[in-house]
């Protein structure tokens, strides 16, 4: 997998010339082909489409749907907790949420 986009016309790399926020989850990119003889220029959108691991500091009003894999992982975790019968364990997935590891107090 590469970290760049190829020109659909000549195959050379497209370089980001400028960009701007279109929303909190979409960035509008203006691209130009690095092949000066081609000179293709275009606009593209870079969008956040799925959450793989949720943020520990979620911003109100920002919604990025969970990926199928993340949804399955969360469901499997909930099923495991329900089978063991340990209420509340599913909310203690981060060390800062575990009282014996939390030094604040």
N, C-alpha and C. Protein backbone atom coordinates (compact mmCIF):
# COMPACT_ATOMS: atom_id res chain seq x y z
N UNK A 1 0.84 -1.18 0.00
CA UNK A 1 0.00 0.00 0.00
C UNK A 1 0.88 1.24 0.00
N UNK A 2 0.54 2.20 -0.82
CA UNK A 2 1.35 3.42 -0.90
C UNK A 2 0.69 4.55 -0.12
N UNK A 3 1.46 5.56 0.18
CA UNK A 3 0.97 6.73 0.91
C UNK A 3 0.69 7.90 -0.01
N UNK A 4 0.36 7.62 -1.23
CA UNK A 4 0.07 8.67 -2.18
C UNK A 4 -0.97 8.17 -3.18
N UNK A 5 -1.49 9.09 -3.97
CA UNK A 5 -2.47 8.77 -5.01
C UNK A 5 -1.80 8.98 -6.36
N UNK A 6 -2.02 8.04 -7.27
CA UNK A 6 -1.47 8.16 -8.63
C UNK A 6 -2.43 8.91 -9.53
N UNK A 7 -1.87 9.63 -10.47
CA UNK A 7 -2.66 10.33 -11.49
C UNK A 7 -3.39 9.28 -12.34
N UNK A 8 -4.69 9.45 -12.53
CA UNK A 8 -5.43 8.48 -13.34
C UNK A 8 -5.08 8.54 -14.83
N UNK A 9 -4.38 9.60 -15.25
CA UNK A 9 -4.05 9.78 -16.67
C UNK A 9 -2.66 9.27 -17.03
N UNK A 10 -1.64 9.68 -16.27
CA UNK A 10 -0.28 9.29 -16.63
C UNK A 10 0.38 8.35 -15.62
N UNK A 11 -0.23 8.18 -14.45
CA UNK A 11 0.30 7.24 -13.47
C UNK A 11 1.32 7.83 -12.49
N UNK A 12 1.74 9.08 -12.69
CA UNK A 12 2.67 9.73 -11.76
C UNK A 12 1.93 10.09 -10.47
N UNK A 13 2.67 10.52 -9.48
CA UNK A 13 2.06 10.89 -8.20
C UNK A 13 1.29 12.21 -8.30
N UNK A 14 0.20 12.27 -7.55
CA UNK A 14 -0.52 13.53 -7.37
C UNK A 14 -0.04 14.16 -6.07
N UNK A 15 0.30 15.43 -6.11
CA UNK A 15 0.79 16.14 -4.93
C UNK A 15 -0.32 17.04 -4.40
N UNK A 16 -0.47 17.04 -3.06
CA UNK A 16 -1.45 17.94 -2.44
C UNK A 16 -0.88 19.35 -2.49
N UNK A 17 -1.57 20.23 -3.17
CA UNK A 17 -1.12 21.62 -3.29
C UNK A 17 -1.67 22.46 -2.14
N UNK A 18 -2.92 22.19 -1.76
CA UNK A 18 -3.56 22.88 -0.64
C UNK A 18 -4.73 22.03 -0.17
N UNK A 19 -5.25 22.36 0.99
CA UNK A 19 -6.41 21.64 1.51
C UNK A 19 -7.16 22.52 2.49
N UNK A 20 -8.40 22.12 2.79
CA UNK A 20 -9.21 22.85 3.77
C UNK A 20 -10.20 21.88 4.40
N UNK A 21 -10.67 22.21 5.61
CA UNK A 21 -11.67 21.40 6.27
C UNK A 21 -13.01 21.61 5.60
N UNK A 22 -13.66 20.52 5.21
CA UNK A 22 -15.02 20.60 4.69
C UNK A 22 -16.00 20.35 5.83
N UNK A 23 -15.58 19.56 6.81
CA UNK A 23 -16.36 19.29 8.02
C UNK A 23 -15.40 18.73 9.06
N UNK A 24 -15.93 18.30 10.20
CA UNK A 24 -15.06 17.76 11.24
C UNK A 24 -14.48 16.40 10.86
N UNK A 25 -15.08 15.74 9.85
CA UNK A 25 -14.57 14.43 9.43
C UNK A 25 -14.19 14.36 7.95
N UNK A 26 -14.25 15.48 7.25
CA UNK A 26 -13.91 15.51 5.82
C UNK A 26 -12.93 16.65 5.54
N UNK A 27 -11.88 16.33 4.82
CA UNK A 27 -10.89 17.32 4.38
C UNK A 27 -10.93 17.37 2.86
N UNK A 28 -11.00 18.57 2.29
CA UNK A 28 -11.01 18.76 0.84
C UNK A 28 -9.57 19.02 0.40
N UNK A 29 -9.08 18.20 -0.53
CA UNK A 29 -7.71 18.30 -1.02
C UNK A 29 -7.70 18.78 -2.46
N UNK A 30 -6.76 19.64 -2.77
CA UNK A 30 -6.54 20.06 -4.15
C UNK A 30 -5.22 19.45 -4.59
N UNK A 31 -5.28 18.61 -5.62
CA UNK A 31 -4.13 17.81 -6.05
C UNK A 31 -3.67 18.22 -7.44
N UNK A 32 -2.36 18.04 -7.67
CA UNK A 32 -1.81 18.32 -8.99
C UNK A 32 -0.79 17.24 -9.34
N UNK A 33 -0.85 16.77 -10.57
CA UNK A 33 0.08 15.75 -11.03
C UNK A 33 1.50 16.31 -11.04
N UNK A 34 2.45 15.49 -10.55
CA UNK A 34 3.85 15.92 -10.53
C UNK A 34 4.50 15.89 -11.91
N UNK A 35 3.86 15.24 -12.87
CA UNK A 35 4.34 15.22 -14.26
C UNK A 35 3.90 16.52 -14.93
N UNK A 36 4.84 17.44 -15.13
CA UNK A 36 4.51 18.77 -15.68
C UNK A 36 3.93 18.68 -17.09
N UNK A 37 4.24 17.62 -17.82
CA UNK A 37 3.68 17.46 -19.16
C UNK A 37 2.22 17.02 -19.10
N UNK A 38 1.83 16.37 -18.03
CA UNK A 38 0.43 15.96 -17.83
C UNK A 38 -0.37 17.13 -17.27
N UNK A 39 0.06 17.67 -16.13
CA UNK A 39 -0.53 18.84 -15.48
C UNK A 39 -1.97 18.65 -15.00
N UNK A 40 -2.40 17.40 -14.84
CA UNK A 40 -3.75 17.14 -14.33
C UNK A 40 -3.89 17.74 -12.94
N UNK A 41 -5.03 18.42 -12.69
CA UNK A 41 -5.33 19.03 -11.40
C UNK A 41 -6.75 18.62 -11.03
N UNK A 42 -6.97 18.30 -9.73
CA UNK A 42 -8.30 17.87 -9.31
C UNK A 42 -8.54 18.18 -7.84
N UNK A 43 -9.77 17.97 -7.43
CA UNK A 43 -10.16 18.13 -6.04
C UNK A 43 -10.59 16.75 -5.53
N UNK A 44 -10.23 16.42 -4.29
CA UNK A 44 -10.60 15.14 -3.70
C UNK A 44 -11.07 15.37 -2.27
N UNK A 45 -11.80 14.40 -1.75
CA UNK A 45 -12.23 14.45 -0.35
C UNK A 45 -11.60 13.29 0.41
N UNK A 46 -11.02 13.62 1.54
CA UNK A 46 -10.48 12.62 2.45
C UNK A 46 -11.45 12.57 3.62
N UNK A 47 -12.09 11.42 3.81
CA UNK A 47 -13.14 11.31 4.82
C UNK A 47 -12.84 10.19 5.81
N UNK A 48 -13.16 10.42 7.06
CA UNK A 48 -13.10 9.40 8.09
C UNK A 48 -14.42 8.63 8.00
N UNK A 49 -14.36 7.34 7.68
CA UNK A 49 -15.59 6.60 7.41
C UNK A 49 -15.96 5.56 8.45
N UNK A 50 -15.00 5.02 9.19
CA UNK A 50 -15.29 4.02 10.21
C UNK A 50 -14.39 4.20 11.41
N UNK A 51 -14.94 3.95 12.59
CA UNK A 51 -14.17 3.93 13.83
C UNK A 51 -13.69 2.51 14.06
N UNK A 52 -12.41 2.34 14.28
CA UNK A 52 -11.84 1.03 14.58
C UNK A 52 -11.67 0.89 16.08
N UNK A 53 -11.20 1.95 16.74
CA UNK A 53 -11.09 2.00 18.19
C UNK A 53 -11.63 3.37 18.62
N UNK A 54 -12.65 3.41 19.46
CA UNK A 54 -13.25 4.69 19.83
C UNK A 54 -12.29 5.58 20.62
N UNK A 55 -12.48 6.88 20.46
CA UNK A 55 -11.67 7.86 21.18
C UNK A 55 -12.00 7.83 22.66
N UNK A 56 -11.00 8.04 23.48
CA UNK A 56 -11.22 8.13 24.93
C UNK A 56 -11.65 9.55 25.32
N UNK A 57 -11.61 10.49 24.37
CA UNK A 57 -12.03 11.87 24.61
C UNK A 57 -12.98 12.31 23.49
N UNK A 58 -14.08 11.60 23.34
CA UNK A 58 -14.99 11.86 22.23
C UNK A 58 -15.58 13.26 22.28
N UNK A 59 -15.63 13.90 21.11
CA UNK A 59 -16.17 15.24 20.97
C UNK A 59 -17.66 15.15 20.70
N UNK A 60 -18.44 15.93 21.43
CA UNK A 60 -19.89 15.93 21.25
C UNK A 60 -20.24 16.33 19.81
N UNK A 61 -21.15 15.58 19.22
CA UNK A 61 -21.62 15.88 17.87
C UNK A 61 -20.83 15.22 16.76
N UNK A 62 -19.73 14.56 17.08
CA UNK A 62 -18.94 13.86 16.06
C UNK A 62 -19.34 12.39 16.08
N UNK A 63 -19.84 11.90 14.95
CA UNK A 63 -20.25 10.50 14.84
C UNK A 63 -19.56 9.87 13.64
N UNK A 64 -18.74 8.87 13.91
CA UNK A 64 -18.10 8.09 12.86
C UNK A 64 -18.47 6.64 13.15
N UNK A 65 -19.26 6.00 12.28
CA UNK A 65 -19.76 4.65 12.57
C UNK A 65 -18.64 3.64 12.84
N UNK A 66 -18.95 2.68 13.69
CA UNK A 66 -18.01 1.60 14.00
C UNK A 66 -17.85 0.71 12.77
N UNK A 67 -16.64 0.21 12.57
CA UNK A 67 -16.40 -0.75 11.49
C UNK A 67 -17.06 -2.07 11.89
N UNK A 68 -17.32 -2.94 10.94
CA UNK A 68 -17.92 -4.24 11.24
C UNK A 68 -17.06 -5.04 12.19
N UNK A 69 -15.76 -4.99 11.99
CA UNK A 69 -14.83 -5.73 12.84
C UNK A 69 -14.92 -5.20 14.28
N UNK A 70 -14.95 -3.87 14.44
CA UNK A 70 -15.03 -3.28 15.77
C UNK A 70 -16.36 -3.61 16.44
N UNK A 71 -17.45 -3.60 15.66
CA UNK A 71 -18.76 -3.97 16.22
C UNK A 71 -18.76 -5.41 16.70
N UNK A 72 -18.17 -6.32 15.90
CA UNK A 72 -18.10 -7.73 16.29
C UNK A 72 -17.24 -7.90 17.54
N UNK A 73 -16.11 -7.20 17.60
CA UNK A 73 -15.23 -7.27 18.75
C UNK A 73 -15.96 -6.82 20.03
N UNK A 74 -16.72 -5.72 19.92
CA UNK A 74 -17.47 -5.21 21.08
C UNK A 74 -18.56 -6.19 21.49
N UNK A 75 -19.25 -6.79 20.52
CA UNK A 75 -20.29 -7.77 20.83
C UNK A 75 -19.69 -9.01 21.49
N UNK A 76 -18.55 -9.47 20.97
CA UNK A 76 -17.88 -10.64 21.56
C UNK A 76 -17.46 -10.35 22.99
N UNK A 77 -16.96 -9.14 23.22
CA UNK A 77 -16.53 -8.74 24.57
C UNK A 77 -17.72 -8.71 25.52
N UNK A 78 -18.83 -8.16 25.06
CA UNK A 78 -20.03 -8.09 25.89
C UNK A 78 -20.56 -9.49 26.20
N UNK A 79 -20.54 -10.37 25.21
CA UNK A 79 -20.98 -11.76 25.43
C UNK A 79 -20.09 -12.46 26.45
N UNK A 80 -18.79 -12.24 26.36
CA UNK A 80 -17.86 -12.87 27.30
C UNK A 80 -18.11 -12.38 28.72
N UNK A 81 -18.35 -11.07 28.87
CA UNK A 81 -18.64 -10.50 30.19
C UNK A 81 -19.93 -11.08 30.74
N UNK A 82 -20.95 -11.18 29.89
CA UNK A 82 -22.25 -11.72 30.33
C UNK A 82 -22.12 -13.18 30.74
N UNK A 83 -21.29 -13.96 30.05
CA UNK A 83 -21.11 -15.37 30.39
C UNK A 83 -20.38 -15.53 31.72
N UNK A 84 -19.42 -14.67 31.99
CA UNK A 84 -18.65 -14.74 33.23
C UNK A 84 -19.50 -14.21 34.39
N UNK A 85 -20.36 -13.25 34.10
CA UNK A 85 -21.22 -12.69 35.12
C UNK A 85 -20.54 -11.66 35.99
N UNK A 86 -19.63 -10.88 35.40
CA UNK A 86 -18.96 -9.83 36.15
C UNK A 86 -19.51 -8.48 35.69
N UNK A 87 -20.52 -7.97 36.38
CA UNK A 87 -21.12 -6.70 35.94
C UNK A 87 -20.12 -5.56 36.00
N UNK A 88 -20.17 -4.70 34.98
CA UNK A 88 -19.32 -3.52 34.95
C UNK A 88 -17.94 -3.73 34.38
N UNK A 89 -17.53 -4.98 34.17
CA UNK A 89 -16.18 -5.23 33.66
C UNK A 89 -15.99 -4.63 32.27
N UNK A 90 -17.06 -4.64 31.47
CA UNK A 90 -16.95 -4.13 30.10
C UNK A 90 -16.63 -2.64 30.06
N UNK A 91 -16.91 -1.89 31.12
CA UNK A 91 -16.61 -0.45 31.13
C UNK A 91 -15.20 -0.18 31.61
N UNK A 92 -14.49 -1.20 32.05
CA UNK A 92 -13.14 -1.03 32.58
C UNK A 92 -12.10 -1.52 31.58
N UNK A 93 -12.21 -1.02 30.36
CA UNK A 93 -11.32 -1.48 29.30
C UNK A 93 -10.03 -0.66 29.21
N UNK A 94 -9.94 0.42 29.92
CA UNK A 94 -8.76 1.27 29.86
C UNK A 94 -8.14 1.34 31.25
N UNK A 95 -6.82 1.26 31.37
CA UNK A 95 -6.18 1.27 32.69
C UNK A 95 -6.61 2.42 33.59
N UNK A 96 -6.91 3.60 33.01
CA UNK A 96 -7.31 4.72 33.86
C UNK A 96 -8.66 4.48 34.52
N UNK A 97 -9.44 3.52 33.98
CA UNK A 97 -10.75 3.20 34.55
C UNK A 97 -10.66 2.14 35.64
N UNK A 98 -9.49 1.60 35.87
CA UNK A 98 -9.32 0.55 36.88
C UNK A 98 -8.86 1.18 38.18
N UNK A 99 -9.70 1.13 39.22
CA UNK A 99 -9.42 1.84 40.46
C UNK A 99 -8.06 1.52 41.07
N UNK A 100 -7.64 0.27 41.03
CA UNK A 100 -6.38 -0.09 41.65
C UNK A 100 -5.16 0.44 40.88
N UNK A 101 -5.37 0.89 39.64
CA UNK A 101 -4.27 1.46 38.85
C UNK A 101 -4.35 2.98 38.79
N UNK A 102 -5.43 3.53 39.26
CA UNK A 102 -5.65 4.98 39.20
C UNK A 102 -5.03 5.62 40.42
N UNK A 103 -4.01 6.43 40.24
CA UNK A 103 -3.29 7.06 41.35
C UNK A 103 -3.94 8.35 41.82
N UNK A 104 -4.97 8.82 41.10
CA UNK A 104 -5.61 10.05 41.55
C UNK A 104 -6.54 9.74 42.70
N UNK A 105 -6.59 10.60 43.65
CA UNK A 105 -7.53 10.29 44.67
C UNK A 105 -7.32 10.90 45.94
